[in-house]
Protein backbone atom coordinates (compact mmCIF):
# COMPACT_ATOMS: atom_id res chain seq x y z
CA MET A 1 0.00 0.00 0.00
CA THR A 2 1.28 3.44 -0.97
CA ASP A 3 1.39 6.01 1.82
CA VAL A 4 -0.02 8.89 -0.25
CA ILE A 5 -1.40 9.13 -3.78
CA VAL A 6 -1.30 12.64 -5.20
CA VAL A 7 -3.74 13.15 -8.09
CA GLY A 8 -2.41 15.86 -10.37
CA GLY A 9 1.14 16.58 -11.49
CA GLY A 10 1.01 20.37 -11.60
CA PRO A 11 2.95 22.69 -9.29
CA THR A 12 0.75 21.97 -6.25
CA GLY A 13 0.95 18.19 -6.56
CA LEU A 14 4.66 18.18 -7.32
CA MET A 15 5.45 20.53 -4.43
CA LEU A 16 3.43 18.31 -2.11
CA ALA A 17 5.24 15.19 -3.31
CA GLY A 18 8.60 16.79 -2.56
CA GLU A 19 7.45 17.87 0.89
CA LEU A 20 6.22 14.38 1.77
CA ARG A 21 9.46 12.77 0.62
CA LEU A 22 11.41 14.94 3.10
CA HIS A 23 9.81 12.73 5.74
CA ASP A 24 10.33 9.42 3.92
CA VAL A 25 6.66 9.12 2.97
CA ASP A 26 6.03 6.83 -0.02
CA VAL A 27 4.39 9.00 -2.72
CA LEU A 28 2.83 8.24 -6.08
CA VAL A 29 1.79 11.15 -8.33
CA LEU A 30 -0.87 10.36 -10.93
CA GLU A 31 -1.07 12.77 -13.87
CA ARG A 32 -3.73 12.54 -16.59
CA ASP A 33 -1.60 14.11 -19.34
CA THR A 34 1.01 11.94 -21.00
CA GLU A 35 3.41 14.87 -21.48
CA PRO A 36 4.01 18.13 -19.57
CA THR A 37 2.04 21.03 -20.97
CA GLY A 38 3.76 23.84 -22.80
CA HIS A 39 0.99 26.31 -21.97
CA VAL A 40 2.34 29.27 -20.01
CA ARG A 41 -0.59 29.97 -17.71
CA ALA A 42 1.38 31.49 -14.82
CA LEU A 43 4.36 33.76 -15.27
CA GLY A 44 6.18 33.82 -11.95
CA LEU A 45 6.63 33.39 -8.23
CA HIS A 46 5.64 35.95 -5.61
CA VAL A 47 7.72 36.69 -2.51
CA ARG A 48 6.31 34.00 -0.23
CA SER A 49 6.76 31.27 -2.85
CA ILE A 50 10.33 32.46 -3.40
CA GLU A 51 10.89 32.12 0.33
CA VAL A 52 9.42 28.61 0.22
CA MET A 53 11.89 27.61 -2.47
CA ASP A 54 14.72 29.07 -0.39
CA GLN A 55 13.57 27.15 2.69
CA ARG A 56 13.85 23.92 0.72
CA GLY A 57 17.13 24.66 -1.04
CA LEU A 58 15.53 25.04 -4.48
CA LEU A 59 15.86 28.76 -5.06
CA GLU A 60 19.15 28.70 -6.93
CA ARG A 61 17.60 26.43 -9.58
CA PHE A 62 14.78 28.90 -10.07
CA LEU A 63 16.98 32.00 -10.06
CA ALA A 64 19.15 30.48 -12.79
CA LEU A 65 16.17 30.26 -15.13
CA GLY A 66 14.11 33.27 -14.04
CA ARG A 67 14.29 37.03 -14.03
CA ARG A 68 13.79 39.34 -11.06
CA TYR A 69 11.25 42.15 -11.26
CA PRO A 70 10.11 44.87 -8.83
CA VAL A 71 7.25 43.91 -6.52
CA GLY A 72 5.06 46.94 -7.27
CA GLY A 73 2.18 47.24 -9.72
CA PHE A 74 0.49 43.87 -9.16
CA PHE A 75 -2.75 44.97 -7.52
CA ALA A 76 -5.18 45.38 -10.44
CA GLY A 77 -2.20 46.44 -12.56
CA ILE A 78 -2.10 49.84 -10.86
CA PRO A 79 1.46 51.09 -11.40
CA LYS A 80 3.02 51.88 -8.02
CA PRO A 81 6.60 51.47 -6.79
CA SER A 82 7.63 48.70 -4.43
CA PRO A 83 7.10 49.64 -0.77
CA GLU A 84 10.28 50.36 1.13
CA GLY A 85 11.54 47.83 3.64
CA LEU A 86 9.28 44.85 2.96
CA ASP A 87 9.64 42.21 5.66
CA THR A 88 11.56 39.76 3.50
CA ALA A 89 15.05 38.99 2.26
CA HIS A 90 13.57 38.48 -1.22
CA ALA A 91 11.86 41.75 -2.14
CA TYR A 92 11.28 40.88 -5.80
CA VAL A 93 9.02 38.86 -8.07
CA LEU A 94 10.65 36.06 -10.03
CA GLY A 95 9.50 35.90 -13.63
CA ILE A 96 9.58 32.25 -14.69
CA PRO A 97 7.09 30.46 -16.98
CA GLN A 98 4.93 27.77 -15.43
CA PRO A 99 6.29 24.90 -17.58
CA THR A 100 9.73 25.66 -16.15
CA THR A 101 8.36 25.73 -12.60
CA ASP A 102 6.63 22.41 -13.24
CA ARG A 103 9.83 20.86 -14.58
CA LEU A 104 11.97 22.04 -11.67
CA LEU A 105 9.46 20.78 -9.10
CA ALA A 106 9.15 17.45 -10.92
CA GLU A 107 12.93 17.06 -10.89
CA HIS A 108 13.01 17.84 -7.19
CA ALA A 109 10.21 15.36 -6.40
CA THR A 110 11.79 12.53 -8.38
CA GLU A 111 15.25 13.23 -6.95
CA ALA A 112 13.67 12.94 -3.51
CA GLY A 113 12.17 9.57 -4.42
CA ALA A 114 8.59 10.32 -5.51
CA ARG A 115 7.13 8.25 -8.34
CA ILE A 116 5.32 10.09 -11.14
CA ARG A 117 3.00 8.07 -13.39
CA ARG A 118 1.75 9.93 -16.46
CA GLY A 119 -1.18 9.11 -18.72
CA ARG A 120 -3.28 7.83 -15.82
CA ALA A 121 -6.64 9.42 -14.97
CA LEU A 122 -8.62 8.84 -11.79
CA VAL A 123 -12.21 7.73 -12.44
CA GLY A 124 -13.33 6.48 -9.04
CA LEU A 125 -12.40 6.38 -5.38
CA SER A 126 -13.66 4.96 -2.12
CA GLN A 127 -12.28 4.96 1.40
CA ASP A 128 -12.50 2.95 4.57
CA ALA A 129 -10.88 3.01 8.00
CA GLN A 130 -7.57 1.70 6.65
CA GLY A 131 -7.11 3.63 3.44
CA VAL A 132 -8.31 4.83 0.04
CA THR A 133 -8.96 2.82 -3.12
CA ALA A 134 -8.30 4.74 -6.34
CA GLU A 135 -9.70 3.41 -9.62
CA LEU A 136 -7.90 4.46 -12.81
CA ASP A 137 -9.20 4.73 -16.35
CA ASP A 138 -7.40 1.53 -17.38
CA GLY A 139 -9.22 -0.48 -14.72
CA THR A 140 -6.29 -0.51 -12.30
CA ARG A 141 -7.09 -0.21 -8.60
CA LEU A 142 -4.53 1.28 -6.23
CA ARG A 143 -4.56 1.45 -2.44
CA SER A 144 -3.08 4.23 -0.34
CA ARG A 145 -3.33 5.42 3.24
CA TYR A 146 -4.26 8.93 2.08
CA LEU A 147 -5.06 10.63 -1.23
CA VAL A 148 -4.77 14.31 -2.14
CA GLY A 149 -6.59 15.88 -5.07
CA CYS A 150 -4.38 18.45 -6.76
CA ASP A 151 -6.19 18.00 -10.07
CA GLY A 152 -7.29 21.53 -10.88
CA GLY A 153 -10.48 23.52 -11.03
CA ARG A 154 -12.46 20.70 -12.68
CA SER A 155 -11.17 18.32 -10.00
CA THR A 156 -12.35 14.74 -10.38
CA VAL A 157 -11.40 14.09 -6.76
CA ARG A 158 -13.59 16.91 -5.47
CA LYS A 159 -16.53 15.77 -7.57
CA LEU A 160 -16.17 12.13 -6.48
CA LEU A 161 -16.10 13.29 -2.86
CA GLY A 162 -19.26 15.29 -3.37
CA VAL A 163 -17.69 18.38 -1.83
CA GLY A 164 -19.63 21.55 -2.60
CA PHE A 165 -17.89 24.23 -4.67
CA PRO A 166 -20.02 27.36 -4.16
CA GLY A 167 -19.24 30.72 -5.68
CA GLU A 168 -19.93 32.68 -8.85
CA PRO A 169 -19.74 31.45 -12.45
CA SER A 170 -17.73 33.31 -15.05
CA ARG A 171 -19.09 36.64 -16.16
CA VAL A 172 -16.35 37.31 -18.70
CA ASP A 173 -13.90 35.17 -20.67
CA THR A 174 -10.41 36.06 -21.78
CA LEU A 175 -8.42 34.60 -24.67
CA LEU A 176 -4.80 33.70 -24.01
CA GLY A 177 -2.15 32.29 -26.32
CA GLU A 178 1.32 32.44 -27.80
CA MET A 179 1.76 33.22 -31.48
CA GLU A 180 3.94 35.04 -33.97
CA VAL A 181 3.17 38.56 -35.15
CA SER A 182 4.16 40.45 -38.29
CA GLU A 183 3.55 43.98 -36.98
CA ASP A 184 6.52 46.19 -36.12
CA PRO A 185 7.51 45.79 -32.41
CA ALA A 186 7.56 49.54 -31.81
CA ARG A 187 4.07 49.95 -33.21
CA ILE A 188 2.85 47.01 -31.11
CA ALA A 189 4.22 48.60 -27.93
CA ALA A 190 2.62 51.95 -28.75
CA LEU A 191 -0.78 50.44 -29.55
CA VAL A 192 -0.77 48.24 -26.46
CA ALA A 193 0.03 51.21 -24.23
CA GLU A 194 -2.86 53.15 -25.72
CA VAL A 195 -5.40 50.31 -25.51
CA ARG A 196 -4.45 49.43 -21.94
CA ARG A 197 -5.45 52.90 -20.80
CA THR A 198 -9.03 51.60 -20.80
CA HIS A 199 -8.77 47.80 -21.36
CA LYS A 200 -6.73 46.38 -18.49
CA ARG A 201 -7.40 42.78 -19.56
CA PHE A 202 -5.53 43.33 -22.83
CA GLY A 203 -1.90 42.71 -23.62
CA VAL A 204 0.46 41.76 -26.44
CA GLY A 205 3.99 41.21 -25.16
CA PRO A 206 7.18 39.53 -26.43
CA MET A 207 8.07 36.12 -24.98
CA GLY A 208 11.81 36.35 -25.57
CA GLU A 209 11.89 34.32 -28.78
CA GLN A 210 12.12 36.41 -31.94
CA GLY A 211 8.65 37.33 -33.18
CA VAL A 212 6.75 35.27 -30.60
CA TYR A 213 4.24 37.17 -28.44
CA ARG A 214 1.89 36.36 -25.57
CA VAL A 215 -1.55 37.67 -26.49
CA VAL A 216 -4.31 38.38 -23.95
CA VAL A 217 -7.59 39.84 -25.18
CA PRO A 218 -11.18 39.91 -23.83
CA ALA A 219 -13.40 37.29 -25.47
CA GLU A 220 -16.75 38.15 -27.04
CA GLY A 221 -18.76 36.13 -24.53
CA VAL A 222 -18.60 33.28 -22.03
CA ALA A 223 -17.92 29.85 -23.54
CA GLU A 224 -20.15 26.96 -22.55
CA ASP A 225 -17.17 24.61 -22.67
CA ARG A 226 -13.97 26.39 -21.75
CA SER A 227 -11.91 23.26 -22.39
CA VAL A 228 -12.45 23.80 -26.14
CA PRO A 229 -9.63 26.10 -27.31
CA PRO A 230 -10.44 29.19 -29.32
CA THR A 231 -9.38 29.52 -32.94
CA LEU A 232 -6.77 31.87 -34.36
CA GLU A 233 -9.55 33.61 -36.29
CA GLU A 234 -11.34 34.31 -32.98
CA PHE A 235 -8.14 35.98 -31.70
CA ARG A 236 -7.87 38.06 -34.86
CA ARG A 237 -11.48 39.14 -34.66
CA ARG A 238 -11.27 40.19 -31.01
CA LEU A 239 -7.95 41.99 -31.52
CA ARG A 240 -9.49 44.03 -34.32
CA VAL A 241 -12.49 44.93 -32.10
CA VAL A 242 -10.41 45.92 -29.07
CA ALA A 243 -7.21 47.30 -30.66
CA GLY A 244 -8.28 48.16 -34.20
CA THR A 245 -5.75 45.70 -35.68
CA ASP A 246 -4.95 42.02 -35.43
CA PHE A 247 -1.18 42.77 -35.35
CA GLY A 248 -0.70 40.20 -38.12
CA VAL A 249 -0.89 37.29 -35.68
CA HIS A 250 -0.11 33.87 -37.15
CA SER A 251 1.51 30.51 -36.41
CA PRO A 252 0.06 29.96 -32.91
CA ARG A 253 2.05 27.86 -30.44
CA TRP A 254 -1.02 27.29 -28.27
CA LEU A 255 -4.40 28.93 -27.69
CA SER A 256 -6.68 28.84 -24.67
CA ARG A 257 -9.34 30.73 -22.77
CA PHE A 258 -10.06 31.36 -19.12
CA GLY A 259 -12.91 32.86 -17.15
CA ASP A 260 -13.35 34.77 -13.92
CA ALA A 261 -15.31 32.12 -12.02
CA THR A 262 -14.73 32.35 -8.27
CA ARG A 263 -15.37 29.25 -6.16
CA LEU A 264 -14.18 27.81 -2.85
CA ALA A 265 -14.52 24.21 -1.69
CA GLU A 266 -16.70 23.81 1.38
CA ARG A 267 -14.23 21.35 2.89
CA TYR A 268 -10.55 20.65 2.29
CA ARG A 269 -10.69 17.22 3.94
CA VAL A 270 -13.10 14.30 3.85
CA GLY A 271 -11.67 11.46 5.91
CA ARG A 272 -8.48 10.27 4.25
CA VAL A 273 -8.90 12.43 1.15
CA LEU A 274 -7.81 16.07 0.94
CA LEU A 275 -7.92 18.87 -1.64
CA ALA A 276 -5.22 21.40 -2.53
CA GLY A 277 -4.55 24.05 -5.14
CA ASP A 278 -7.17 24.78 -7.80
CA ALA A 279 -9.09 21.67 -6.75
CA ALA A 280 -9.97 23.63 -3.61
CA HIS A 281 -10.30 27.14 -5.02
CA ILE A 282 -10.54 28.94 -8.34
CA HIS A 283 -10.44 32.67 -9.04
CA PRO A 284 -9.42 35.12 -11.75
CA PRO A 285 -5.66 35.30 -12.41
CA THR A 286 -5.45 38.97 -11.45
CA GLY A 287 -2.37 39.61 -9.34
CA GLY A 288 -0.77 36.31 -10.40
CA GLN A 289 -1.75 34.50 -7.19
CA GLY A 290 -3.14 31.13 -8.33
CA LEU A 291 0.00 29.04 -8.77
CA ASN A 292 1.51 30.61 -5.67
CA LEU A 293 -1.56 29.86 -3.57
CA GLY A 294 -1.37 26.20 -4.58
CA ILE A 295 2.34 25.88 -3.81
CA GLN A 296 1.71 27.40 -0.39
CA ASP A 297 -1.20 24.99 0.21
CA ALA A 298 1.23 22.13 -0.39
CA PHE A 299 3.82 23.70 1.92
CA ASN A 300 1.26 23.90 4.72
CA LEU A 301 -0.15 20.42 4.15
CA GLY A 302 3.01 18.42 3.46
CA TRP A 303 4.52 18.22 6.94
CA LYS A 304 1.13 17.74 8.60
CA LEU A 305 0.17 14.82 6.36
CA ALA A 306 3.65 13.35 6.79
CA ALA A 307 3.23 13.56 10.58
CA GLN A 308 -0.07 11.71 10.26
CA VAL A 309 1.51 8.97 8.13
CA ARG A 310 4.57 8.65 10.38
CA GLY A 311 2.38 8.35 13.46
CA TRP A 312 3.40 11.36 15.55
CA ALA A 313 0.74 13.90 14.56
CA PRO A 314 -1.11 15.35 17.56
CA GLU A 315 -4.89 15.37 17.46
CA GLY A 316 -6.23 18.02 15.13
CA LEU A 317 -2.96 18.69 13.29
CA LEU A 318 -4.19 17.45 9.91
CA ASP A 319 -7.47 19.31 10.31
CA SER A 320 -5.51 22.53 10.88
CA TYR A 321 -4.70 22.45 7.15
CA HIS A 322 -8.35 23.28 6.42
CA THR A 323 -8.70 25.81 9.23
CA GLU A 324 -5.54 27.69 8.19
CA ARG A 325 -5.59 27.54 4.42
CA ARG A 326 -9.28 27.92 3.58
CA PRO A 327 -9.45 31.46 5.07
CA VAL A 328 -6.34 32.38 3.08
CA ALA A 329 -8.02 31.24 -0.13
CA ALA A 330 -11.18 33.13 0.81
CA GLU A 331 -9.14 36.33 1.10
CA VAL A 332 -7.51 35.70 -2.29
CA LEU A 333 -10.92 35.20 -3.84
CA ASP A 334 -12.06 38.50 -2.37
CA ASN A 335 -9.04 40.46 -3.54
CA THR A 336 -9.34 39.04 -7.07
CA ARG A 337 -13.02 39.99 -7.11
CA ALA A 338 -12.02 43.52 -6.15
CA GLN A 339 -9.29 43.64 -8.77
CA MET A 340 -11.64 42.47 -11.52
CA GLU A 341 -14.02 45.31 -10.65
CA LEU A 342 -11.15 47.78 -10.80
CA MET A 343 -10.12 46.44 -14.22
CA SER A 344 -13.57 46.85 -15.76
CA PRO A 345 -13.74 49.57 -18.44
CA THR A 346 -17.09 50.87 -17.15
CA PRO A 347 -17.07 54.50 -15.94
CA GLY A 348 -18.02 53.61 -12.37
CA SER A 349 -15.26 51.01 -12.05
CA GLN A 350 -12.74 53.38 -13.56
CA ALA A 351 -13.74 56.06 -11.05
CA VAL A 352 -13.15 53.65 -8.17
CA ARG A 353 -9.85 52.62 -9.76
CA ARG A 354 -8.67 56.23 -9.78
CA LEU A 355 -9.62 56.58 -6.12
CA VAL A 356 -7.79 53.37 -5.15
CA SER A 357 -4.76 54.56 -7.10
CA GLU A 358 -4.73 57.78 -5.08
CA LEU A 359 -5.01 55.81 -1.84
CA MET A 360 -2.08 53.63 -2.89
CA ASP A 361 0.10 56.73 -2.89
CA LEU A 362 -0.10 56.34 0.89
CA GLU A 363 2.77 54.08 1.93
CA GLU A 364 0.63 52.12 4.39
CA VAL A 365 -1.99 51.29 1.76
CA ASN A 366 0.57 50.30 -0.86
CA ARG A 367 2.37 48.09 1.66
CA TYR A 368 -0.86 46.45 2.84
CA LEU A 369 -1.96 45.52 -0.69
CA THR A 370 1.55 44.36 -1.65
CA GLU A 371 1.77 42.09 1.39
CA LYS A 372 -1.65 40.71 0.50
CA ILE A 373 -0.71 39.87 -3.10
CA THR A 374 2.71 38.45 -2.21
CA ALA A 375 1.28 36.45 0.76
CA ILE A 376 3.85 37.69 3.28
CA GLY A 377 1.11 39.33 5.34
CA ILE A 378 -0.56 36.01 6.21
CA ARG A 379 -1.01 35.30 9.92
CA TYR A 380 -2.60 32.05 11.02
CA ASP A 381 -4.72 32.17 14.15
CA LEU A 382 -2.52 30.08 16.47
CA GLY A 383 -3.46 31.84 19.70
CA GLY A 384 -1.02 33.85 21.78
CA ASP A 385 -0.55 37.56 22.10
CA HIS A 386 2.87 38.07 20.54
CA GLU A 387 2.75 39.74 17.14
CA LEU A 388 5.04 37.11 15.58
CA VAL A 389 2.91 34.10 16.52
CA GLY A 390 1.13 32.77 13.45
CA ARG A 391 3.28 34.73 11.00
CA ARG A 392 6.07 33.26 8.94
CA LEU A 393 9.53 34.43 9.97
CA ARG A 394 11.58 35.98 7.22
CA ASP A 395 15.08 34.71 6.54
CA VAL A 396 17.55 36.23 9.02
CA PRO A 397 21.35 35.94 9.24
CA LEU A 398 22.62 33.77 12.06
CA GLY A 399 26.01 32.98 13.47
CA GLN A 400 25.68 29.58 11.78
CA GLY A 401 24.54 30.85 8.38
CA ARG A 402 21.00 31.79 7.43
CA LEU A 403 17.74 30.75 9.04
CA TYR A 404 16.28 29.27 5.86
CA GLU A 405 19.39 27.18 5.29
CA LEU A 406 18.66 25.45 8.61
CA MET A 407 15.09 24.55 7.59
CA ARG A 408 15.77 22.53 4.46
CA GLY A 409 15.05 19.20 6.11
CA GLY A 410 11.40 20.13 6.72
CA ARG A 411 11.68 19.84 10.50
CA GLY A 412 10.61 22.16 13.28
CA LEU A 413 13.22 24.56 14.65
CA LEU A 414 13.77 26.14 18.05
CA LEU A 415 15.87 29.26 17.54
CA ASP A 416 17.20 29.96 21.01
CA ARG A 417 19.03 33.14 22.00
CA THR A 418 18.93 32.24 25.70
CA GLY A 419 20.96 29.04 25.51
CA GLY A 420 18.91 27.64 28.35
CA LEU A 421 16.10 25.81 26.53
CA SER A 422 15.76 22.19 25.41
CA VAL A 423 13.72 20.10 22.95
CA ALA A 424 14.64 16.80 24.60
CA GLY A 425 11.92 14.31 23.70
CA TRP A 426 11.27 16.01 20.35
CA ALA A 427 14.78 15.98 18.92
CA ASP A 428 13.68 13.59 16.16
CA ARG A 429 11.22 16.23 14.91
CA VAL A 430 12.62 19.58 16.06
CA ASP A 431 16.11 21.03 15.62
CA HIS A 432 17.55 23.21 18.38
CA VAL A 433 19.85 26.05 17.36
CA VAL A 434 21.45 28.30 19.97
CA ASP A 435 22.37 31.59 18.36
CA ASP A 436 23.10 35.00 19.85
CA GLY A 437 22.50 36.94 16.64
CA GLU A 438 20.65 40.24 16.58
CA GLU A 439 17.51 38.84 14.93
CA PRO A 440 14.80 38.04 15.69
CA ARG A 441 14.60 40.41 18.62
CA VAL A 442 13.00 37.90 20.99
CA PRO A 443 14.54 35.40 23.45
CA ALA A 444 13.45 32.31 21.48
CA VAL A 445 11.04 31.24 18.74
CA LEU A 446 9.63 27.84 17.88
CA LEU A 447 9.11 27.48 14.14
CA ARG A 448 6.93 24.90 12.45
CA PRO A 449 8.36 23.13 9.37
CA ASP A 450 6.55 25.67 7.17
CA GLY A 451 8.39 28.56 8.85
CA HIS A 452 5.43 29.93 10.80
CA VAL A 453 6.03 30.95 14.40
CA ALA A 454 4.28 28.64 16.88
CA TRP A 455 5.69 30.11 20.10
CA VAL A 456 7.72 33.05 21.37
CA GLY A 457 9.17 33.10 24.88
CA GLN A 458 12.02 32.17 27.18
CA GLU A 459 10.65 29.77 29.80
CA GLN A 460 11.18 26.01 29.41
CA GLU A 461 7.87 25.17 31.06
CA ASP A 462 6.02 27.42 28.66
CA LEU A 463 7.82 25.82 25.71
CA LEU A 464 6.85 22.36 26.93
CA GLY A 465 3.23 23.46 26.81
CA HIS A 466 3.51 24.26 23.09
CA LEU A 467 5.75 21.54 21.64
CA PRO A 468 3.06 18.81 21.87
CA THR A 469 0.52 21.00 20.09
CA TRP A 470 2.52 20.89 16.86
CA PHE A 471 4.94 18.00 17.27
CA GLY A 472 3.05 15.39 19.24
CA ALA A 473 4.07 13.51 22.35
CA ALA A 474 7.64 13.44 23.62
CA ARG A 475 9.72 10.33 22.98
CA GLY A 476 12.66 8.75 24.69
């Protein structure tokens, strides 16, 4: 019996597989597609996802293939500078196409020992007290202790579970594709700048390869079946309507469409089956948050599910995945709703957009919205009065290197400036580092494997009251 079957080999599923393998959990990833997609749906990683990659020792791989950009200008595309002094060591956005992200995460998962089986679609599942039975489209039946659906917005896992997916259907569709153009690059840039003054969902931008452009243009209506790709002629027609020219588009690499449907799963867990990524939430791509939200779901879930499999999870730990991550997704859905309103060309929406733009000239407002989009403002409700509890701790320099370098094994960490604390009984799950560096400016912090602060203090007895909450009973 496999420990965990992950359904879906996109960034969420692959990140989760890598996280589980850090704890020697047997993982099988099932992916419907026989080959990785070349469609560039997402274009980069926000600050928190960059931190996640750093915490797992993957960032150098991504930096080698990506490009750094300023953080500002992501909320509804309103052009504002990056706020000064963001609480991170990585105050940039990393431009990197999703197929590259998928490949790097797949390499990491397989290097760690995960198995990836392509061309296999889930068609049925059932569960009992011992595990989950997954039925594949070739008639194969597989058994696992747990199963996680990371299979996208049309999730088969979610539908088989019967989990409700309430929200709003698409009101508008957008065409997206990569193709060659024959128009002069300078004229393209000038026309795009002019059109985007009123049509924020429009764009024609170079992809780095000579003559190849990424084209985004509002569709005429809402498609009944969004899985059916649009035609090149549909792109040409819509470009002429919106921009007055079709830019001479030809030779498409791929064409697709997406909507602005906004939905959130009612539950992230049903017994031994869980949901993550787009299987649990869908929303418009405004702000570039979707891929990042899924990666961060996996980062939150991985160590908790591993603890459950390895037998040391305290009661309620696995359920905390739902209680922590579902509110985060709800906030993302709300901010994308707001952004879509601000990107509407209607006079009322444009008036509100101008007002929001003026408010963003205030440093506090710009910082607040930037932290929301980049996910560094997230604070889980873990109890406690200290302002750090529930927040992730940014990377800080230590006498023994950097904080994130010490977290690459996916274990908890007690960062102790007092030198008088102990994690005896939890040493197989929690590392203890005594460091008298200047940061963080507290006596000691207990970090979960996902980098969020579970405790701040200096008394051993107080620490002993918190270790079992996240790391189970003491051993030895």
